[in-house]
C-alpha cells in the first residue's frame, strides 16, 4: 500500500475541484503543524484554566451580591 498523503490523493484526482484540493492540502499542513508542536496543547490547557477561573470569579461575585441583599 502506498503511503500517500491526503493532499497527494486529491491532487491526482480528476474529479475533485481546485478549491477542494487546496482546502485539503491546507488542512493537512495545519494538522501536521499542530501534531508536531507541543504549543497547541499548552495553549489549550491554559485557555481551559483561564475559562475555569472566569467562571469561578463570576460565581463567587454573584453569591456575594445575593448574601448582601
N, C-alpha and C. Protein backbone atom coordinates (compact mmCIF):
# COMPACT_ATOMS: atom_id res chain seq x y z
N UNK A 1 0.83 -1.18 0.00
CA UNK A 1 0.00 0.00 0.00
C UNK A 1 0.87 1.24 0.00
N UNK A 2 0.52 2.18 -0.83
CA UNK A 2 1.26 3.44 -0.90
C UNK A 2 0.93 4.31 0.31
N UNK A 3 1.94 4.98 0.80
CA UNK A 3 1.74 5.91 1.91
C UNK A 3 1.57 7.31 1.36
N UNK A 4 0.53 7.52 0.57
CA UNK A 4 0.26 8.84 0.02
C UNK A 4 -0.49 9.68 1.03
N UNK A 5 -0.22 10.95 1.00
CA UNK A 5 -0.94 11.86 1.87
C UNK A 5 -2.28 12.22 1.22
N UNK A 6 -3.14 12.83 2.01
CA UNK A 6 -4.45 13.25 1.50
C UNK A 6 -4.26 14.26 0.37
N UNK A 7 -3.29 15.13 0.54
CA UNK A 7 -3.04 16.15 -0.47
C UNK A 7 -2.64 15.49 -1.80
N UNK A 8 -1.78 14.50 -1.73
CA UNK A 8 -1.35 13.80 -2.95
C UNK A 8 -2.52 13.07 -3.61
N UNK A 9 -3.38 12.48 -2.79
CA UNK A 9 -4.54 11.78 -3.34
C UNK A 9 -5.49 12.74 -4.06
N UNK A 10 -5.75 13.89 -3.44
CA UNK A 10 -6.64 14.85 -4.08
C UNK A 10 -6.00 15.50 -5.30
N UNK A 11 -4.69 15.73 -5.27
CA UNK A 11 -4.01 16.33 -6.42
C UNK A 11 -4.06 15.39 -7.62
N UNK A 12 -4.02 14.10 -7.39
CA UNK A 12 -4.06 13.15 -8.51
C UNK A 12 -5.48 12.88 -8.99
N UNK A 13 -6.48 13.33 -8.23
CA UNK A 13 -7.87 13.10 -8.59
C UNK A 13 -8.29 14.07 -9.69
N UNK A 14 -9.00 13.55 -10.66
CA UNK A 14 -9.50 14.39 -11.75
C UNK A 14 -10.84 15.01 -11.37
N UNK A 15 -11.60 14.32 -10.53
CA UNK A 15 -12.96 14.73 -10.20
C UNK A 15 -13.01 15.85 -9.15
N UNK A 16 -11.98 16.00 -8.33
CA UNK A 16 -12.01 16.99 -7.26
C UNK A 16 -11.77 18.39 -7.82
N UNK A 17 -12.48 19.37 -7.25
CA UNK A 17 -12.32 20.74 -7.71
C UNK A 17 -11.02 21.33 -7.17
N UNK A 18 -10.60 22.45 -7.76
CA UNK A 18 -9.38 23.10 -7.30
C UNK A 18 -9.52 23.61 -5.87
N UNK A 19 -10.71 24.10 -5.55
CA UNK A 19 -10.94 24.57 -4.18
C UNK A 19 -10.80 23.44 -3.18
N UNK A 20 -11.38 22.29 -3.49
CA UNK A 20 -11.31 21.15 -2.58
C UNK A 20 -9.86 20.66 -2.44
N UNK A 21 -9.12 20.67 -3.54
CA UNK A 21 -7.71 20.25 -3.48
C UNK A 21 -6.92 21.18 -2.58
N UNK A 22 -7.08 22.49 -2.76
CA UNK A 22 -6.31 23.44 -1.95
C UNK A 22 -6.75 23.40 -0.50
N UNK A 23 -8.05 23.21 -0.27
CA UNK A 23 -8.56 23.13 1.10
C UNK A 23 -8.00 21.91 1.83
N UNK A 24 -7.99 20.76 1.17
CA UNK A 24 -7.49 19.54 1.81
C UNK A 24 -5.99 19.63 2.06
N UNK A 25 -5.25 20.24 1.15
CA UNK A 25 -3.81 20.41 1.36
C UNK A 25 -3.54 21.35 2.53
N UNK A 26 -4.32 22.44 2.63
CA UNK A 26 -4.16 23.37 3.74
C UNK A 26 -4.52 22.70 5.06
N UNK A 27 -5.57 21.90 5.06
CA UNK A 27 -5.98 21.19 6.27
C UNK A 27 -4.90 20.20 6.71
N UNK A 28 -4.32 19.52 5.76
CA UNK A 28 -3.28 18.55 6.10
C UNK A 28 -2.03 19.23 6.67
N UNK A 29 -1.65 20.36 6.09
CA UNK A 29 -0.47 21.06 6.61
C UNK A 29 -0.75 21.63 8.00
N UNK A 30 -1.97 22.10 8.24
CA UNK A 30 -2.34 22.59 9.56
C UNK A 30 -2.31 21.45 10.58
N UNK A 31 -2.83 20.30 10.21
CA UNK A 31 -2.84 19.15 11.11
C UNK A 31 -1.42 18.71 11.45
N UNK A 32 -0.57 18.65 10.46
CA UNK A 32 0.83 18.27 10.71
C UNK A 32 1.52 19.27 11.63
N UNK A 33 1.23 20.55 11.43
CA UNK A 33 1.81 21.57 12.30
C UNK A 33 1.34 21.45 13.73
N UNK A 34 0.06 21.15 13.91
CA UNK A 34 -0.48 21.01 15.27
C UNK A 34 0.05 19.76 15.96
N UNK A 35 0.24 18.68 15.21
CA UNK A 35 0.71 17.44 15.83
C UNK A 35 2.20 17.45 16.13
N UNK A 36 2.96 18.27 15.42
CA UNK A 36 4.40 18.25 15.60
C UNK A 36 4.90 19.21 16.67
N UNK A 37 4.02 20.00 17.24
CA UNK A 37 4.43 21.00 18.21
C UNK A 37 3.65 20.84 19.51
N UNK A 38 4.27 21.08 20.66
CA UNK A 38 3.55 20.99 21.92
C UNK A 38 2.78 22.27 22.27
N UNK A 39 2.99 23.34 21.54
CA UNK A 39 2.35 24.62 21.85
C UNK A 39 0.83 24.57 21.81
N UNK A 40 0.20 23.92 20.84
CA UNK A 40 -1.28 23.90 20.86
C UNK A 40 -1.85 23.24 22.11
N UNK A 41 -1.19 22.23 22.61
CA UNK A 41 -1.67 21.57 23.84
C UNK A 41 -1.54 22.52 25.02
N UNK A 42 -0.43 23.23 25.10
CA UNK A 42 -0.23 24.18 26.20
C UNK A 42 -1.23 25.33 26.12
N UNK A 43 -1.47 25.85 24.93
CA UNK A 43 -2.44 26.93 24.78
C UNK A 43 -3.83 26.46 25.16
N UNK A 44 -4.18 25.25 24.75
CA UNK A 44 -5.49 24.69 25.10
C UNK A 44 -5.63 24.55 26.61
N UNK A 45 -4.62 24.01 27.26
CA UNK A 45 -4.67 23.81 28.70
C UNK A 45 -4.78 25.15 29.43
N UNK A 46 -4.02 26.14 29.01
CA UNK A 46 -4.09 27.45 29.64
C UNK A 46 -5.44 28.12 29.41
N UNK A 47 -6.01 27.94 28.24
CA UNK A 47 -7.32 28.54 27.98
C UNK A 47 -8.41 27.88 28.83
N UNK A 48 -8.33 26.57 29.05
CA UNK A 48 -9.29 25.88 29.91
C UNK A 48 -9.16 26.39 31.34
N UNK A 49 -7.95 26.56 31.83
CA UNK A 49 -7.73 27.07 33.18
C UNK A 49 -8.25 28.50 33.29
N UNK A 50 -8.03 29.32 32.28
CA UNK A 50 -8.49 30.70 32.27
C UNK A 50 -10.02 30.77 32.31
N UNK A 51 -10.68 29.95 31.51
CA UNK A 51 -12.15 29.94 31.49
C UNK A 51 -12.68 29.45 32.83
N UNK A 52 -12.05 28.45 33.42
CA UNK A 52 -12.48 27.97 34.74
C UNK A 52 -12.32 29.06 35.79
N UNK A 53 -11.24 29.82 35.71
CA UNK A 53 -11.02 30.94 36.63
C UNK A 53 -12.11 32.00 36.47
N UNK A 54 -12.46 32.33 35.23
CA UNK A 54 -13.50 33.32 34.98
C UNK A 54 -14.85 32.85 35.52
N UNK A 55 -15.18 31.60 35.31
CA UNK A 55 -16.45 31.07 35.80
C UNK A 55 -16.48 31.09 37.33
N UNK A 56 -15.36 30.77 37.96
CA UNK A 56 -15.30 30.80 39.41
C UNK A 56 -15.49 32.22 39.93
N UNK A 57 -14.85 33.20 39.28
CA UNK A 57 -14.99 34.59 39.70
C UNK A 57 -16.43 35.08 39.56
N UNK A 58 -17.08 34.72 38.47
CA UNK A 58 -18.46 35.13 38.26
C UNK A 58 -19.37 34.48 39.30
N UNK A 59 -19.14 33.22 39.59
CA UNK A 59 -19.98 32.51 40.56
C UNK A 59 -19.81 33.08 41.96
N UNK A 60 -18.59 33.42 42.34
CA UNK A 60 -18.39 33.96 43.69
C UNK A 60 -18.90 35.39 43.79
N UNK A 61 -18.80 36.18 42.75
CA UNK A 61 -19.30 37.55 42.83
C UNK A 61 -20.82 37.56 42.87
N UNK A 62 -21.48 36.63 42.19
CA UNK A 62 -22.94 36.56 42.25
C UNK A 62 -23.41 36.08 43.62
N UNK A 63 -22.73 35.16 44.24
CA UNK A 63 -23.15 34.69 45.57
C UNK A 63 -22.91 35.77 46.62
N UNK A 64 -21.85 36.58 46.47
CA UNK A 64 -21.60 37.66 47.41
C UNK A 64 -22.69 38.72 47.30
N UNK A 65 -23.17 39.03 46.12
CA UNK A 65 -24.22 40.02 45.93
C UNK A 65 -25.53 39.54 46.52
N UNK A 66 -25.83 38.26 46.39
CA UNK A 66 -27.08 37.73 46.92
C UNK A 66 -27.05 37.67 48.46
N UNK A 67 -25.89 37.46 49.07
CA UNK A 67 -25.78 37.43 50.52
C UNK A 67 -25.91 38.81 51.11
N UNK A 68 -25.48 39.85 50.41
CA UNK A 68 -25.56 41.22 50.92
C UNK A 68 -27.00 41.73 50.89
N UNK A 69 -27.80 41.26 49.99
CA UNK A 69 -29.19 41.73 49.86
C UNK A 69 -30.05 41.07 50.85
